C-alpha cells in the first residue's frame, strides 16, 4: 500500500484512536437506502469494480481475525475452495491471497465443521469472543446479521459503508433498528462507478 492512500490514512487515523488495542471493523456494501440485498435476495446491482475490491482487500490486510456468520462464511469460502472465483481478475487474485491469511471464526450453532484452513467455530457471538479476537490484533466482522448483533451489543469500533448509487425497495438491512451510535467521519473514498466509501469511528 503506498503512502497517502485512502486505506493508509484510515489506518493512521484510527490507530491513534485505538492505541495498542485491536479494533473491530464492520465493512459492507449497501444501497443508498441501506440494504445489502433487495427483497428477492439479489445483490447483483453492487458488483464491485477493481478499485472497490482493492478497498476491501486493504481491510483484510489489516485484520488478524475475521468473524463470520454461517451464511457469509459459506459465501466467502469460495475464495479458498473455488479457483474459478479469481479467474481473469488481478484484483481478485490479490484478494484471494489476502483472504486466506487471517484466522477465521464462524459463529454458528448449526455448522458442524468448517472446510477452510485457519478456521474455528463458536456457537454464539459474545463480548468475550470479540475481546479475544481483538487481543490478536484488528478484526473484521462480515455479514449484516452477525454485524447487527455486534452493533446492538456495542462491540463495533469502526464502520465502513460502501454506498452504491442505487435505491432498492427493501430487503436485508445493513444496520439494525433501535440502535443509536454517534459516528465520527475518519475518511471517504469515491469510486469511478459512483459509489462512495465512508469510514466512521463508532462512539
N, C-alpha and C. Protein backbone atom coordinates (compact mmCIF):
# COMPACT_ATOMS: atom_id res chain seq x y z
N UNK A 1 0.85 -1.21 0.00
CA UNK A 1 0.00 0.00 0.00
C UNK A 1 0.88 1.24 0.00
N UNK A 2 0.63 2.14 -0.91
CA UNK A 2 1.51 3.30 -1.00
C UNK A 2 1.12 4.36 0.03
N UNK A 3 2.10 5.17 0.42
CA UNK A 3 1.87 6.20 1.42
C UNK A 3 0.82 7.18 0.93
N UNK A 4 -0.08 7.55 1.83
CA UNK A 4 -1.09 8.54 1.50
C UNK A 4 -2.32 7.98 0.83
N UNK A 5 -2.41 6.63 0.64
CA UNK A 5 -3.60 6.04 0.05
C UNK A 5 -4.75 6.14 1.04
N UNK A 6 -6.02 6.04 0.56
CA UNK A 6 -7.15 6.13 1.49
C UNK A 6 -7.07 5.13 2.63
N UNK A 7 -6.63 3.87 2.31
CA UNK A 7 -6.55 2.88 3.37
C UNK A 7 -5.51 3.25 4.41
N UNK A 8 -4.37 3.80 3.96
CA UNK A 8 -3.33 4.21 4.89
C UNK A 8 -3.81 5.32 5.80
N UNK A 9 -4.50 6.30 5.24
CA UNK A 9 -5.00 7.41 6.05
C UNK A 9 -5.97 6.94 7.11
N UNK A 10 -6.86 6.01 6.73
CA UNK A 10 -7.81 5.49 7.71
C UNK A 10 -7.08 4.77 8.82
N UNK A 11 -6.11 3.92 8.46
CA UNK A 11 -5.40 3.15 9.47
C UNK A 11 -4.62 4.08 10.41
N UNK A 12 -4.01 5.13 9.87
CA UNK A 12 -3.26 6.05 10.72
C UNK A 12 -4.20 6.79 11.68
N UNK A 13 -5.32 7.27 11.14
CA UNK A 13 -6.26 8.00 11.99
C UNK A 13 -6.85 7.10 13.06
N UNK A 14 -7.26 5.87 12.62
CA UNK A 14 -7.88 5.00 13.59
C UNK A 14 -6.86 4.43 14.56
N UNK A 15 -5.62 4.25 14.12
CA UNK A 15 -4.58 3.76 15.02
C UNK A 15 -4.38 4.69 16.20
N UNK A 16 -4.51 6.02 15.95
CA UNK A 16 -4.36 6.97 17.05
C UNK A 16 -5.54 6.87 18.03
N UNK A 17 -6.70 6.49 17.50
CA UNK A 17 -7.87 6.34 18.37
C UNK A 17 -7.76 5.09 19.21
N UNK A 18 -7.33 3.99 18.59
CA UNK A 18 -7.37 2.71 19.27
C UNK A 18 -6.13 2.43 20.11
N UNK A 19 -5.04 3.16 19.89
CA UNK A 19 -3.82 2.91 20.61
C UNK A 19 -3.30 1.52 20.29
N UNK A 20 -2.97 0.76 21.32
CA UNK A 20 -2.43 -0.57 21.14
C UNK A 20 -3.51 -1.63 21.08
N UNK A 21 -4.76 -1.27 21.33
CA UNK A 21 -5.85 -2.23 21.37
C UNK A 21 -6.37 -2.48 19.96
N UNK A 22 -6.59 -3.75 19.64
CA UNK A 22 -7.19 -4.07 18.35
C UNK A 22 -8.59 -3.51 18.26
N UNK A 23 -9.07 -3.33 17.03
CA UNK A 23 -10.40 -2.77 16.82
C UNK A 23 -11.23 -3.75 16.00
N UNK A 24 -12.56 -3.59 16.06
CA UNK A 24 -13.47 -4.41 15.26
C UNK A 24 -14.09 -3.54 14.19
N UNK A 25 -13.89 -3.91 12.93
CA UNK A 25 -14.40 -3.18 11.77
C UNK A 25 -15.57 -3.94 11.15
N UNK A 26 -16.65 -3.22 10.90
CA UNK A 26 -17.76 -3.74 10.09
C UNK A 26 -17.75 -2.99 8.78
N UNK A 27 -17.39 -3.71 7.69
CA UNK A 27 -17.30 -3.11 6.37
C UNK A 27 -18.26 -3.84 5.44
N UNK A 28 -19.10 -3.09 4.71
CA UNK A 28 -20.11 -3.75 3.88
C UNK A 28 -20.54 -2.85 2.73
N UNK A 29 -20.93 -3.46 1.63
CA UNK A 29 -21.53 -2.76 0.50
C UNK A 29 -23.03 -2.62 0.75
N UNK A 30 -23.60 -1.50 0.31
CA UNK A 30 -25.03 -1.31 0.51
C UNK A 30 -25.59 -0.34 -0.52
N UNK A 31 -26.92 -0.35 -0.63
CA UNK A 31 -27.61 0.64 -1.46
C UNK A 31 -27.66 1.97 -0.72
N UNK A 32 -28.08 3.00 -1.42
CA UNK A 32 -28.18 4.32 -0.79
C UNK A 32 -29.15 4.30 0.39
N UNK A 33 -30.18 3.46 0.32
CA UNK A 33 -31.13 3.39 1.44
C UNK A 33 -30.84 2.26 2.41
N UNK A 34 -29.61 1.73 2.37
CA UNK A 34 -29.13 0.89 3.46
C UNK A 34 -29.41 -0.59 3.39
N UNK A 35 -29.46 -1.18 2.19
CA UNK A 35 -29.70 -2.61 2.04
C UNK A 35 -28.52 -3.28 1.36
N UNK A 36 -28.18 -4.50 1.83
CA UNK A 36 -27.10 -5.26 1.20
C UNK A 36 -27.63 -6.22 0.15
N UNK A 37 -28.91 -6.46 0.13
CA UNK A 37 -29.59 -7.26 -0.90
C UNK A 37 -31.03 -6.78 -0.96
N UNK A 38 -31.66 -6.95 -2.12
CA UNK A 38 -33.04 -6.49 -2.23
C UNK A 38 -34.01 -7.53 -1.68
N UNK A 39 -35.31 -7.28 -1.80
CA UNK A 39 -36.31 -8.15 -1.20
C UNK A 39 -36.28 -9.56 -1.78
N UNK A 40 -35.78 -9.70 -3.00
CA UNK A 40 -35.65 -11.02 -3.60
C UNK A 40 -34.32 -11.69 -3.35
N UNK A 41 -33.46 -11.06 -2.54
CA UNK A 41 -32.14 -11.62 -2.25
C UNK A 41 -31.08 -11.29 -3.28
N UNK A 42 -31.41 -10.47 -4.26
CA UNK A 42 -30.46 -10.13 -5.32
C UNK A 42 -29.54 -8.99 -4.89
N UNK A 43 -28.26 -9.14 -5.17
CA UNK A 43 -27.30 -8.07 -4.90
C UNK A 43 -26.38 -7.83 -6.09
N UNK A 44 -26.83 -8.26 -7.28
CA UNK A 44 -26.01 -8.08 -8.49
C UNK A 44 -25.82 -6.61 -8.83
N UNK A 45 -26.69 -5.75 -8.29
CA UNK A 45 -26.60 -4.31 -8.56
C UNK A 45 -25.39 -3.67 -7.89
N UNK A 46 -24.69 -4.41 -7.04
CA UNK A 46 -23.50 -3.82 -6.41
C UNK A 46 -22.25 -4.63 -6.75
N UNK A 47 -22.17 -5.11 -7.98
CA UNK A 47 -20.96 -5.80 -8.42
C UNK A 47 -19.76 -4.87 -8.27
N UNK A 48 -18.71 -5.30 -7.55
CA UNK A 48 -17.59 -4.40 -7.26
C UNK A 48 -16.66 -4.20 -8.45
N UNK A 49 -16.13 -3.00 -8.56
CA UNK A 49 -15.09 -2.71 -9.54
C UNK A 49 -13.74 -3.13 -8.96
N UNK A 50 -12.70 -3.09 -9.78
CA UNK A 50 -11.37 -3.45 -9.31
C UNK A 50 -10.92 -2.56 -8.15
N UNK A 51 -11.22 -1.26 -8.23
CA UNK A 51 -10.79 -0.36 -7.16
C UNK A 51 -11.55 -0.63 -5.87
N UNK A 52 -12.79 -1.09 -5.99
CA UNK A 52 -13.55 -1.44 -4.79
C UNK A 52 -13.04 -2.73 -4.17
N UNK A 53 -12.67 -3.70 -5.01
CA UNK A 53 -12.05 -4.92 -4.50
C UNK A 53 -10.76 -4.57 -3.76
N UNK A 54 -9.99 -3.63 -4.30
CA UNK A 54 -8.75 -3.21 -3.64
C UNK A 54 -9.04 -2.60 -2.27
N UNK A 55 -10.14 -1.86 -2.16
CA UNK A 55 -10.50 -1.26 -0.88
C UNK A 55 -10.80 -2.33 0.16
N UNK A 56 -11.58 -3.34 -0.23
CA UNK A 56 -11.89 -4.44 0.69
C UNK A 56 -10.65 -5.27 1.01
N UNK A 57 -9.75 -5.38 0.05
CA UNK A 57 -8.51 -6.11 0.29
C UNK A 57 -7.68 -5.42 1.37
N UNK A 58 -7.65 -4.10 1.36
CA UNK A 58 -6.90 -3.37 2.39
C UNK A 58 -7.48 -3.63 3.78
N UNK A 59 -8.80 -3.77 3.86
CA UNK A 59 -9.41 -4.10 5.16
C UNK A 59 -8.87 -5.43 5.68
N UNK A 60 -8.81 -6.42 4.80
CA UNK A 60 -8.35 -7.74 5.21
C UNK A 60 -6.86 -7.75 5.52
N UNK A 61 -6.09 -6.95 4.81
CA UNK A 61 -4.65 -6.88 5.08
C UNK A 61 -4.37 -6.41 6.50
N UNK A 62 -5.29 -5.62 7.04
CA UNK A 62 -5.11 -5.06 8.37
C UNK A 62 -5.72 -5.94 9.46
N UNK A 63 -6.30 -7.09 9.08
CA UNK A 63 -7.03 -7.92 10.04
C UNK A 63 -6.26 -9.17 10.44
N UNK A 64 -6.22 -9.42 11.74
CA UNK A 64 -5.66 -10.67 12.25
C UNK A 64 -6.73 -11.75 12.35
N UNK A 65 -7.98 -11.32 12.55
CA UNK A 65 -9.11 -12.24 12.72
C UNK A 65 -10.31 -11.72 11.94
N UNK A 66 -11.06 -12.64 11.33
CA UNK A 66 -12.31 -12.29 10.65
C UNK A 66 -13.44 -13.10 11.27
N UNK A 67 -14.51 -12.41 11.64
CA UNK A 67 -15.69 -13.05 12.20
C UNK A 67 -16.78 -13.15 11.14
N UNK A 68 -17.36 -14.34 10.99
CA UNK A 68 -18.43 -14.56 10.02
C UNK A 68 -19.61 -15.28 10.67
N UNK A 69 -20.82 -14.98 10.21
CA UNK A 69 -21.95 -15.86 10.44
C UNK A 69 -21.90 -16.98 9.42
N UNK A 70 -22.79 -17.97 9.58
CA UNK A 70 -22.72 -19.14 8.71
C UNK A 70 -22.91 -18.79 7.24
N UNK A 71 -23.95 -18.02 6.91
CA UNK A 71 -24.23 -17.76 5.50
C UNK A 71 -23.12 -16.96 4.83
N UNK A 72 -22.57 -15.99 5.53
CA UNK A 72 -21.47 -15.22 4.95
C UNK A 72 -20.23 -16.09 4.79
N UNK A 73 -19.97 -16.95 5.76
CA UNK A 73 -18.82 -17.85 5.64
C UNK A 73 -18.98 -18.76 4.43
N UNK A 74 -20.17 -19.32 4.24
CA UNK A 74 -20.40 -20.20 3.10
C UNK A 74 -20.19 -19.46 1.77
N UNK A 75 -20.58 -18.19 1.74
CA UNK A 75 -20.40 -17.39 0.52
C UNK A 75 -18.93 -17.05 0.28
N UNK A 76 -18.20 -16.75 1.36
CA UNK A 76 -16.82 -16.29 1.22
C UNK A 76 -15.81 -17.42 1.10
N UNK A 77 -16.17 -18.62 1.51
CA UNK A 77 -15.23 -19.74 1.48
C UNK A 77 -14.75 -20.08 0.08
N UNK A 78 -15.49 -19.64 -0.95
CA UNK A 78 -15.08 -19.94 -2.32
C UNK A 78 -13.72 -19.32 -2.65
N UNK A 79 -13.33 -18.28 -1.91
CA UNK A 79 -12.03 -17.66 -2.18
C UNK A 79 -10.89 -18.60 -1.84
N UNK A 80 -11.19 -19.68 -1.12
CA UNK A 80 -10.18 -20.69 -0.84
C UNK A 80 -10.46 -21.99 -1.58
N UNK A 81 -11.74 -22.28 -1.82
CA UNK A 81 -12.10 -23.60 -2.33
C UNK A 81 -12.39 -23.64 -3.83
N UNK A 82 -12.61 -22.49 -4.47
CA UNK A 82 -13.01 -22.47 -5.88
C UNK A 82 -12.04 -21.62 -6.70
N UNK A 83 -11.11 -22.24 -7.42
CA UNK A 83 -10.14 -21.48 -8.21
C UNK A 83 -10.79 -20.58 -9.26
N UNK A 84 -11.99 -20.93 -9.71
CA UNK A 84 -12.66 -20.13 -10.73
C UNK A 84 -13.09 -18.77 -10.21
N UNK A 85 -13.15 -18.61 -8.89
CA UNK A 85 -13.61 -17.35 -8.31
C UNK A 85 -12.67 -16.19 -8.66
N UNK A 86 -11.41 -16.50 -8.93
CA UNK A 86 -10.43 -15.44 -9.20
C UNK A 86 -10.07 -15.33 -10.67
N UNK A 87 -10.72 -16.10 -11.52
CA UNK A 87 -10.33 -16.17 -12.92
C UNK A 87 -10.43 -14.80 -13.60
N UNK A 88 -9.31 -14.40 -14.23
CA UNK A 88 -9.32 -13.21 -15.07
C UNK A 88 -9.29 -11.88 -14.35
N UNK A 89 -9.02 -11.87 -13.06
CA UNK A 89 -9.04 -10.61 -12.32
C UNK A 89 -7.83 -10.51 -11.41
N UNK A 90 -6.88 -9.62 -11.72
CA UNK A 90 -5.72 -9.43 -10.83
C UNK A 90 -6.14 -9.02 -9.42
N UNK A 91 -7.16 -8.18 -9.32
CA UNK A 91 -7.62 -7.75 -8.01
C UNK A 91 -8.18 -8.89 -7.20
N UNK A 92 -8.91 -9.78 -7.85
CA UNK A 92 -9.46 -10.94 -7.17
C UNK A 92 -8.36 -11.91 -6.75
N UNK A 93 -7.31 -12.04 -7.58
CA UNK A 93 -6.17 -12.87 -7.20
C UNK A 93 -5.55 -12.37 -5.90
N UNK A 94 -5.38 -11.07 -5.81
CA UNK A 94 -4.80 -10.48 -4.61
C UNK A 94 -5.72 -10.65 -3.41
N UNK A 95 -7.02 -10.44 -3.62
CA UNK A 95 -7.99 -10.61 -2.54
C UNK A 95 -7.95 -12.04 -2.01
N UNK A 96 -7.84 -13.01 -2.92
CA UNK A 96 -7.81 -14.41 -2.51
C UNK A 96 -6.63 -14.69 -1.59
N UNK A 97 -5.45 -14.21 -1.97
CA UNK A 97 -4.26 -14.43 -1.15
C UNK A 97 -4.40 -13.78 0.21
N UNK A 98 -4.95 -12.57 0.23
CA UNK A 98 -5.10 -11.86 1.49
C UNK A 98 -6.20 -12.49 2.35
N UNK A 99 -7.28 -12.98 1.72
CA UNK A 99 -8.38 -13.59 2.48
C UNK A 99 -7.93 -14.82 3.24
N UNK A 100 -7.00 -15.55 2.70
CA UNK A 100 -6.57 -16.80 3.33
C UNK A 100 -5.70 -16.57 4.57
N UNK A 101 -5.14 -15.38 4.71
CA UNK A 101 -4.15 -15.15 5.77
C UNK A 101 -4.72 -15.06 7.18
N UNK A 102 -5.77 -14.26 7.44
CA UNK A 102 -6.22 -14.12 8.82
C UNK A 102 -6.95 -15.36 9.35
N UNK A 103 -6.98 -15.49 10.66
CA UNK A 103 -7.75 -16.54 11.30
C UNK A 103 -9.23 -16.20 11.17
N UNK A 104 -10.06 -17.20 10.91
CA UNK A 104 -11.49 -17.00 10.78
C UNK A 104 -12.23 -17.66 11.95
N UNK A 105 -13.24 -16.97 12.44
CA UNK A 105 -14.12 -17.52 13.46
C UNK A 105 -15.53 -17.49 12.88
N UNK A 106 -16.15 -18.65 12.75
CA UNK A 106 -17.51 -18.75 12.24
C UNK A 106 -18.45 -18.92 13.42
N UNK A 107 -19.38 -17.98 13.55
CA UNK A 107 -20.34 -18.04 14.65
C UNK A 107 -21.59 -18.72 14.14
N UNK A 108 -21.81 -19.95 14.58
CA UNK A 108 -22.95 -20.74 14.11
C UNK A 108 -23.25 -21.86 15.10
N UNK A 109 -24.51 -22.08 15.34
CA UNK A 109 -24.93 -23.19 16.20
C UNK A 109 -25.34 -24.40 15.36
N UNK A 110 -25.30 -24.29 14.03
CA UNK A 110 -25.75 -25.38 13.16
C UNK A 110 -24.64 -25.95 12.28
N UNK A 111 -23.59 -25.19 12.03
CA UNK A 111 -22.50 -25.70 11.21
C UNK A 111 -21.69 -26.71 12.02
N UNK A 112 -21.47 -27.89 11.44
CA UNK A 112 -20.78 -28.94 12.19
C UNK A 112 -19.26 -28.85 12.07
N UNK A 113 -18.78 -28.34 10.93
CA UNK A 113 -17.33 -28.29 10.71
C UNK A 113 -17.01 -27.31 9.60
N UNK A 114 -16.01 -26.45 9.79
CA UNK A 114 -15.59 -25.57 8.70
C UNK A 114 -14.77 -26.35 7.67
N UNK A 115 -14.63 -25.81 6.47
CA UNK A 115 -13.89 -26.51 5.42
C UNK A 115 -12.78 -25.65 4.84
N UNK A 116 -12.40 -24.59 5.55
CA UNK A 116 -11.25 -23.80 5.15
C UNK A 116 -10.20 -23.85 6.25
N UNK A 117 -8.97 -23.54 5.89
CA UNK A 117 -7.88 -23.57 6.86
C UNK A 117 -7.98 -22.38 7.82
N UNK A 118 -7.33 -22.53 8.98
CA UNK A 118 -7.25 -21.46 9.97
C UNK A 118 -8.65 -20.96 10.39
N UNK A 119 -9.58 -21.91 10.51
CA UNK A 119 -10.97 -21.56 10.79
C UNK A 119 -11.47 -22.35 11.99
N UNK A 120 -12.19 -21.68 12.89
CA UNK A 120 -12.76 -22.34 14.05
C UNK A 120 -14.22 -21.94 14.20
N UNK A 121 -14.95 -22.73 14.98
CA UNK A 121 -16.37 -22.50 15.20
C UNK A 121 -16.64 -21.99 16.61
N UNK A 122 -17.61 -21.10 16.73
CA UNK A 122 -18.13 -20.66 18.02
C UNK A 122 -19.65 -20.67 17.93
N UNK A 123 -20.31 -21.05 19.00
CA UNK A 123 -21.77 -21.20 18.96
C UNK A 123 -22.50 -19.87 19.00
N UNK A 124 -21.89 -18.83 19.60
CA UNK A 124 -22.61 -17.56 19.76
C UNK A 124 -21.63 -16.40 19.78
N UNK A 125 -22.11 -15.25 19.34
CA UNK A 125 -21.32 -14.02 19.42
C UNK A 125 -21.48 -13.43 20.81
N UNK A 126 -20.37 -13.22 21.49
CA UNK A 126 -20.37 -12.66 22.84
C UNK A 126 -19.31 -11.58 22.94
N UNK A 127 -19.44 -10.68 23.91
CA UNK A 127 -18.36 -9.69 24.12
C UNK A 127 -17.02 -10.36 24.38
N UNK A 128 -17.03 -11.48 25.08
CA UNK A 128 -15.78 -12.18 25.37
C UNK A 128 -15.12 -12.70 24.10
N UNK A 129 -15.93 -13.19 23.15
CA UNK A 129 -15.38 -13.67 21.89
C UNK A 129 -14.75 -12.52 21.11
N UNK A 130 -15.41 -11.39 21.07
CA UNK A 130 -14.87 -10.24 20.36
C UNK A 130 -13.59 -9.74 21.02
N UNK A 131 -13.56 -9.68 22.34
CA UNK A 131 -12.36 -9.25 23.03
C UNK A 131 -11.19 -10.19 22.76
N UNK A 132 -11.48 -11.49 22.68
CA UNK A 132 -10.43 -12.46 22.37
C UNK A 132 -9.91 -12.25 20.96
N UNK A 133 -10.82 -11.96 20.02
CA UNK A 133 -10.39 -11.70 18.64
C UNK A 133 -9.54 -10.45 18.57
N UNK A 134 -9.95 -9.39 19.27
CA UNK A 134 -9.22 -8.13 19.24
C UNK A 134 -7.88 -8.22 19.97
N UNK A 135 -7.75 -9.19 20.85
CA UNK A 135 -6.47 -9.38 21.55
C UNK A 135 -5.38 -9.81 20.58
N UNK A 136 -5.79 -10.42 19.45
CA UNK A 136 -4.83 -10.86 18.45
C UNK A 136 -4.45 -9.73 17.49
N UNK A 137 -5.19 -8.62 17.52
CA UNK A 137 -4.96 -7.50 16.61
C UNK A 137 -6.29 -6.99 16.10
N UNK A 138 -6.26 -6.27 15.00
CA UNK A 138 -7.50 -5.77 14.43
C UNK A 138 -8.33 -6.93 13.88
N UNK A 139 -9.66 -6.78 13.95
CA UNK A 139 -10.57 -7.81 13.49
C UNK A 139 -11.64 -7.16 12.61
N UNK A 140 -12.22 -7.95 11.72
CA UNK A 140 -13.35 -7.50 10.92
C UNK A 140 -14.51 -8.45 11.15
N UNK A 141 -15.73 -7.95 10.94
CA UNK A 141 -16.91 -8.79 11.06
C UNK A 141 -17.68 -8.70 9.75
N UNK A 142 -18.05 -9.86 9.19
CA UNK A 142 -18.68 -9.89 7.88
C UNK A 142 -20.09 -10.45 7.94
N UNK A 143 -20.98 -9.83 7.20
CA UNK A 143 -22.37 -10.27 7.15
C UNK A 143 -23.26 -9.42 8.01
N UNK A 144 -24.36 -8.91 7.46
CA UNK A 144 -25.19 -7.97 8.22
C UNK A 144 -25.85 -8.56 9.46
N UNK A 145 -26.23 -9.84 9.42
CA UNK A 145 -26.91 -10.42 10.58
C UNK A 145 -26.01 -10.45 11.80
N UNK A 146 -24.80 -10.99 11.63
CA UNK A 146 -23.86 -11.04 12.76
C UNK A 146 -23.41 -9.65 13.16
N UNK A 147 -23.15 -8.78 12.19
CA UNK A 147 -22.67 -7.43 12.49
C UNK A 147 -23.74 -6.61 13.21
N UNK A 148 -25.01 -6.80 12.85
CA UNK A 148 -26.07 -6.07 13.54
C UNK A 148 -26.12 -6.46 15.01
N UNK A 149 -25.89 -7.74 15.31
CA UNK A 149 -25.82 -8.17 16.71
C UNK A 149 -24.66 -7.50 17.43
N UNK A 150 -23.52 -7.39 16.75
CA UNK A 150 -22.35 -6.73 17.34
C UNK A 150 -22.63 -5.26 17.60
N UNK A 151 -23.32 -4.60 16.67
CA UNK A 151 -23.68 -3.19 16.88
C UNK A 151 -24.64 -3.04 18.05
N UNK A 152 -25.59 -3.95 18.16
CA UNK A 152 -26.54 -3.89 19.27
C UNK A 152 -25.85 -4.06 20.62
N UNK A 153 -24.77 -4.83 20.65
CA UNK A 153 -24.02 -5.04 21.89
C UNK A 153 -22.94 -3.99 22.10
N UNK A 154 -22.79 -3.05 21.15
CA UNK A 154 -21.79 -2.00 21.29
C UNK A 154 -20.37 -2.48 21.11
N UNK A 155 -20.17 -3.50 20.25
CA UNK A 155 -18.86 -4.10 20.10
C UNK A 155 -18.08 -3.60 18.88
N UNK A 156 -18.74 -2.87 17.97
CA UNK A 156 -18.10 -2.41 16.75
C UNK A 156 -17.37 -1.09 16.99
N UNK A 157 -16.11 -1.03 16.62
CA UNK A 157 -15.31 0.18 16.81
C UNK A 157 -15.27 1.07 15.58
N UNK A 158 -15.39 0.45 14.40
CA UNK A 158 -15.30 1.22 13.18
C UNK A 158 -16.28 0.66 12.16
N UNK A 159 -16.92 1.56 11.44
CA UNK A 159 -17.93 1.20 10.45
C UNK A 159 -17.53 1.77 9.09
N UNK A 160 -17.52 0.92 8.08
CA UNK A 160 -17.19 1.36 6.72
C UNK A 160 -18.32 0.93 5.79
N UNK A 161 -19.04 1.90 5.26
CA UNK A 161 -20.13 1.64 4.33
C UNK A 161 -19.69 2.02 2.93
N UNK A 162 -19.76 1.07 2.00
CA UNK A 162 -19.54 1.37 0.60
C UNK A 162 -20.92 1.53 -0.02
N UNK A 163 -21.33 2.78 -0.22
CA UNK A 163 -22.69 3.11 -0.64
C UNK A 163 -22.75 3.17 -2.17
N UNK A 164 -23.58 2.30 -2.74
CA UNK A 164 -23.73 2.23 -4.19
C UNK A 164 -24.85 3.16 -4.66
N UNK A 165 -24.72 3.71 -5.87
CA UNK A 165 -25.71 4.67 -6.36
C UNK A 165 -26.97 3.98 -6.87
N UNK A 166 -27.71 3.36 -5.96
CA UNK A 166 -28.93 2.66 -6.31
C UNK A 166 -29.86 2.68 -5.09
N UNK A 167 -31.15 2.74 -5.33
CA UNK A 167 -32.15 2.63 -4.28
C UNK A 167 -32.96 1.37 -4.54
N UNK A 168 -33.06 0.50 -3.54
CA UNK A 168 -33.87 -0.71 -3.67
C UNK A 168 -35.04 -0.61 -2.70
N UNK A 169 -36.13 -1.25 -3.04
CA UNK A 169 -37.36 -1.06 -2.27
C UNK A 169 -37.40 -1.71 -0.91
N UNK A 170 -36.51 -2.62 -0.63
CA UNK A 170 -36.49 -3.31 0.65
C UNK A 170 -35.55 -4.49 0.57
N UNK A 171 -35.40 -5.23 1.65
CA UNK A 171 -34.50 -6.37 1.65
C UNK A 171 -33.75 -6.53 2.95
N UNK A 172 -32.46 -6.83 2.86
CA UNK A 172 -31.62 -7.06 4.03
C UNK A 172 -30.95 -5.77 4.46
N UNK A 173 -31.31 -5.27 5.62
CA UNK A 173 -30.73 -4.03 6.12
C UNK A 173 -29.31 -4.28 6.63
N UNK A 174 -28.45 -3.29 6.42
CA UNK A 174 -27.07 -3.44 6.90
C UNK A 174 -26.90 -2.90 8.32
N UNK A 175 -27.86 -2.13 8.81
CA UNK A 175 -27.80 -1.57 10.15
C UNK A 175 -29.06 -1.95 10.92
N UNK A 176 -28.95 -2.20 12.22
CA UNK A 176 -30.12 -2.64 12.99
C UNK A 176 -31.04 -1.49 13.36
N UNK A 177 -32.30 -1.80 13.54
CA UNK A 177 -33.25 -0.83 14.07
C UNK A 177 -33.05 -0.71 15.58
N UNK A 178 -33.44 0.44 16.13
CA UNK A 178 -33.44 0.61 17.57
C UNK A 178 -32.09 0.81 18.21
N UNK A 179 -31.06 1.10 17.41
CA UNK A 179 -29.71 1.30 17.95
C UNK A 179 -29.25 2.71 17.63
N UNK A 180 -28.67 3.38 18.63
CA UNK A 180 -28.14 4.73 18.44
C UNK A 180 -26.65 4.73 18.73
N UNK A 181 -25.87 5.21 17.79
CA UNK A 181 -24.43 5.38 17.99
C UNK A 181 -24.01 6.71 17.37
N UNK A 182 -23.22 7.48 18.07
CA UNK A 182 -22.57 8.63 17.46
C UNK A 182 -21.43 8.13 16.58
N UNK A 183 -21.30 8.74 15.41
CA UNK A 183 -20.25 8.36 14.48
C UNK A 183 -19.36 9.56 14.19
N UNK A 184 -18.07 9.29 13.99
CA UNK A 184 -17.14 10.35 13.62
C UNK A 184 -16.46 9.98 12.31
N UNK A 185 -16.60 10.83 11.31
CA UNK A 185 -16.05 10.54 9.99
C UNK A 185 -14.53 10.53 10.05
N UNK A 186 -13.95 9.43 9.57
CA UNK A 186 -12.50 9.30 9.51
C UNK A 186 -11.95 9.54 8.11
N UNK A 187 -12.68 9.03 7.12
CA UNK A 187 -12.17 9.14 5.75
C UNK A 187 -13.31 8.85 4.78
N UNK A 188 -13.12 9.24 3.53
CA UNK A 188 -14.07 8.92 2.48
C UNK A 188 -13.30 8.66 1.20
N UNK A 189 -13.87 7.82 0.35
CA UNK A 189 -13.24 7.47 -0.92
C UNK A 189 -14.32 7.36 -1.99
N UNK A 190 -14.12 8.03 -3.11
CA UNK A 190 -15.07 7.96 -4.21
C UNK A 190 -14.55 7.01 -5.27
N UNK A 191 -15.46 6.22 -5.84
CA UNK A 191 -15.10 5.26 -6.87
C UNK A 191 -15.65 5.71 -8.22
N UNK A 192 -15.05 5.21 -9.28
CA UNK A 192 -15.42 5.63 -10.62
C UNK A 192 -16.84 5.27 -11.02
N UNK A 193 -17.44 4.27 -10.36
CA UNK A 193 -18.80 3.86 -10.71
C UNK A 193 -19.86 4.65 -9.94
N UNK A 194 -19.43 5.66 -9.19
CA UNK A 194 -20.38 6.49 -8.43
C UNK A 194 -20.59 6.08 -7.00
N UNK A 195 -20.01 4.95 -6.59
CA UNK A 195 -20.10 4.53 -5.19
C UNK A 195 -19.16 5.37 -4.32
N UNK A 196 -19.46 5.43 -3.05
CA UNK A 196 -18.66 6.20 -2.09
C UNK A 196 -18.43 5.33 -0.85
N UNK A 197 -17.19 5.26 -0.40
CA UNK A 197 -16.90 4.59 0.86
C UNK A 197 -16.77 5.62 1.96
N UNK A 198 -17.49 5.38 3.06
CA UNK A 198 -17.48 6.26 4.23
C UNK A 198 -16.98 5.47 5.43
N UNK A 199 -15.88 5.93 6.01
CA UNK A 199 -15.31 5.27 7.20
C UNK A 199 -15.59 6.10 8.45
N UNK A 200 -16.16 5.46 9.45
CA UNK A 200 -16.52 6.15 10.69
C UNK A 200 -15.94 5.44 11.91
N UNK A 201 -15.56 6.21 12.91
CA UNK A 201 -15.33 5.67 14.24
C UNK A 201 -16.67 5.64 14.94
N UNK A 202 -16.95 4.56 15.66
CA UNK A 202 -18.23 4.37 16.35
C UNK A 202 -18.09 4.78 17.80
N UNK A 203 -18.99 5.68 18.26
CA UNK A 203 -18.96 6.09 19.65
C UNK A 203 -18.02 7.25 19.90
